[in-house]
């Protein structure tokens, strides 16, 4: 059995598009601690007498949310963009990907979203941090997509 290459978390990247949808300019957001991408399908019951006594289900809509922590750095342009997107209800475009976007075969999810959570934590013995949560929104460029670099 061949050894598989391990994908370490610190090699993953979060990018913000500072260009257009058709001509993206991917700017890395490096002020990220832990990041979680949640992809989860809703379900509908599909019970019929033929499945009795078993309960059956079918997947329906996909729920996507991305959560991460950022250090409080008011001079960080990415932090400013996230803050402004939250307060102004702006759409931003993100790419969450397993490696640098310049590496052929890198994969992740590309989507346009709004910031739904921007919560500051000020622990006594830690850094001031922000918990950020984004979710996709309706837009002219379509739903989220799985992105693979050429």
Protein backbone atom coordinates (compact mmCIF):
# COMPACT_ATOMS: atom_id res chain seq x y z
CA UNK A 1 0.00 0.00 0.00
CA UNK A 2 1.42 3.39 -1.00
CA UNK A 3 1.75 6.06 1.62
CA UNK A 4 -0.66 8.94 1.20
CA UNK A 5 0.57 12.51 1.40
CA UNK A 6 -0.71 14.15 4.55
CA UNK A 7 -2.33 17.55 4.14
CA UNK A 8 -1.29 19.59 7.16
CA UNK A 9 -3.66 22.29 8.35
CA UNK A 10 -1.09 25.07 8.20
CA UNK A 11 -0.66 24.48 4.44
CA UNK A 12 -4.32 25.30 3.77
CA UNK A 13 -5.23 28.81 2.69
CA UNK A 14 -8.12 31.23 2.94
CA UNK A 15 -8.29 33.73 0.09
CA UNK A 16 -10.41 36.82 -0.54
CA UNK A 17 -11.07 37.88 -4.12
CA UNK A 18 -10.05 41.52 -4.59
CA UNK A 19 -10.71 41.33 -8.35
CA UNK A 20 -13.86 40.36 -10.22
CA UNK A 21 -15.62 37.01 -10.40
CA UNK A 22 -14.43 36.39 -13.96
CA UNK A 23 -10.89 37.68 -13.27
CA UNK A 24 -10.20 36.85 -9.62
CA UNK A 25 -7.25 38.30 -7.74
CA UNK A 26 -6.76 35.96 -4.80
CA UNK A 27 -5.39 37.75 -1.73
CA UNK A 28 -4.39 35.38 1.05
CA UNK A 29 -5.91 36.04 4.47
CA UNK A 30 -3.03 34.99 6.69
CA UNK A 31 -4.49 36.34 9.93
CA UNK A 32 -6.31 33.04 10.47
CA UNK A 33 -5.91 30.66 13.37
CA UNK A 34 -8.19 27.62 13.24
CA UNK A 35 -10.64 27.36 10.34
CA UNK A 36 -13.57 24.98 9.90
CA UNK A 37 -15.49 24.34 6.70
CA UNK A 38 -18.85 22.75 7.39
CA UNK A 39 -20.65 21.08 4.48
CA UNK A 40 -23.84 19.38 5.62
CA UNK A 41 -26.92 18.23 3.74
CA UNK A 42 -30.43 18.66 5.04
CA UNK A 43 -32.63 15.61 4.83
CA UNK A 44 -36.18 14.69 4.01
CA UNK A 45 -37.87 11.52 5.18
CA UNK A 46 -38.55 9.06 2.35
CA UNK A 47 -40.50 6.43 4.25
CA UNK A 48 -42.66 4.00 2.29
CA UNK A 49 -44.30 0.79 3.25
CA UNK A 50 -41.64 -1.03 1.23
CA UNK A 51 -38.97 0.25 3.64
CA UNK A 52 -40.91 -0.75 6.73
CA UNK A 53 -39.91 -1.09 9.53
CA UNK A 54 -36.91 1.05 8.59
CA UNK A 55 -37.00 4.80 8.48
CA UNK A 56 -35.33 6.17 5.32
CA UNK A 57 -34.09 9.60 4.30
CA UNK A 58 -32.82 11.43 1.23
CA UNK A 59 -30.33 14.31 1.17
CA UNK A 60 -31.56 17.71 -0.04
CA UNK A 61 -30.00 21.19 0.27
CA UNK A 62 -26.34 21.64 1.20
CA UNK A 63 -25.57 23.97 4.11
CA UNK A 64 -22.14 25.62 3.91
CA UNK A 65 -20.57 27.67 6.68
CA UNK A 66 -16.97 28.66 7.29
CA UNK A 67 -15.73 29.67 10.75
CA UNK A 68 -12.33 30.98 11.79
CA UNK A 69 -10.53 33.13 14.32
CA UNK A 70 -8.59 36.29 13.50
CA UNK A 71 -6.28 38.27 15.75
CA UNK A 72 -7.47 41.79 16.51
CA UNK A 73 -5.30 43.82 14.10
CA UNK A 74 -6.95 47.06 13.04
CA UNK A 75 -4.17 47.67 10.48
CA UNK A 76 -4.78 44.36 8.66
CA UNK A 77 -6.62 45.12 5.38
CA UNK A 78 -8.26 41.68 5.38
CA UNK A 79 -9.53 42.21 8.94
CA UNK A 80 -10.88 45.60 7.82
CA UNK A 81 -12.62 44.00 4.82
CA UNK A 82 -14.26 41.36 7.04
CA UNK A 83 -15.33 44.00 9.57
CA UNK A 84 -16.73 46.25 6.84
CA UNK A 85 -18.53 43.33 5.19
CA UNK A 86 -20.20 42.56 8.53
CA UNK A 87 -21.32 46.10 9.33
CA UNK A 88 -22.27 47.08 5.75
CA UNK A 89 -23.81 43.72 4.79
CA UNK A 90 -21.42 43.49 1.82
CA UNK A 91 -20.91 40.39 -0.28
CA UNK A 92 -17.34 39.11 -0.35
CA UNK A 93 -15.89 36.23 -2.34
CA UNK A 94 -13.76 33.62 -0.60
CA UNK A 95 -11.78 30.56 -1.58
CA UNK A 96 -10.99 27.98 1.09
CA UNK A 97 -8.37 25.68 -0.40
CA UNK A 98 -6.02 22.91 0.72
CA UNK A 99 -2.80 24.51 -0.61
CA UNK A 100 -1.51 27.67 -2.22
CA UNK A 101 -3.77 28.71 -5.11
CA UNK A 102 -0.75 28.69 -7.45
CA UNK A 103 -0.22 24.93 -6.94
CA UNK A 104 -1.75 22.79 -9.69
CA UNK A 105 -4.41 20.46 -8.32
CA UNK A 106 -5.17 22.48 -5.17
CA UNK A 107 -8.83 22.02 -4.18
CA UNK A 108 -11.43 23.80 -2.14
CA UNK A 109 -14.70 25.67 -2.16
CA UNK A 110 -15.22 29.03 -3.88
CA UNK A 111 -18.24 31.09 -2.88
CA UNK A 112 -19.70 34.56 -2.47
CA UNK A 113 -20.88 35.19 1.05
CA UNK A 114 -21.78 37.57 3.84
CA UNK A 115 -20.41 37.71 7.37
CA UNK A 116 -22.99 36.38 9.83
CA UNK A 117 -20.87 36.40 12.99
CA UNK A 118 -18.11 38.79 14.03
CA UNK A 119 -17.60 38.22 17.76
CA UNK A 120 -14.68 39.57 19.77
CA UNK A 121 -13.07 37.58 22.59
CA UNK A 122 -10.87 39.24 25.20
CA UNK A 123 -9.52 36.54 27.50
CA UNK A 124 -7.48 37.66 30.49
CA UNK A 125 -4.41 35.66 29.52
CA UNK A 126 -4.74 35.62 25.72
CA UNK A 127 -4.90 37.65 22.56
CA UNK A 128 -7.89 39.69 21.54
CA UNK A 129 -9.46 37.63 18.77
CA UNK A 130 -12.46 37.70 16.49
CA UNK A 131 -14.63 34.69 15.70
CA UNK A 132 -15.87 34.98 12.12
CA UNK A 133 -18.62 32.97 10.41
CA UNK A 134 -19.59 33.36 6.76
CA UNK A 135 -22.31 31.72 4.70
CA UNK A 136 -23.12 31.84 0.99
CA UNK A 137 -25.77 34.25 -0.26
CA UNK A 138 -27.76 34.70 -3.46
CA UNK A 139 -25.71 36.51 -6.09
CA UNK A 140 -25.37 36.95 -9.86
CA UNK A 141 -22.44 34.50 -10.08
CA UNK A 142 -24.24 31.43 -8.84
CA UNK A 143 -23.95 29.03 -5.93
CA UNK A 144 -20.74 27.81 -4.27
CA UNK A 145 -18.59 25.53 -6.37
CA UNK A 146 -15.80 23.03 -5.84
CA UNK A 147 -12.67 24.67 -7.20
CA UNK A 148 -9.61 22.85 -8.54
CA UNK A 149 -6.58 24.82 -9.73
CA UNK A 150 -5.38 24.01 -13.25
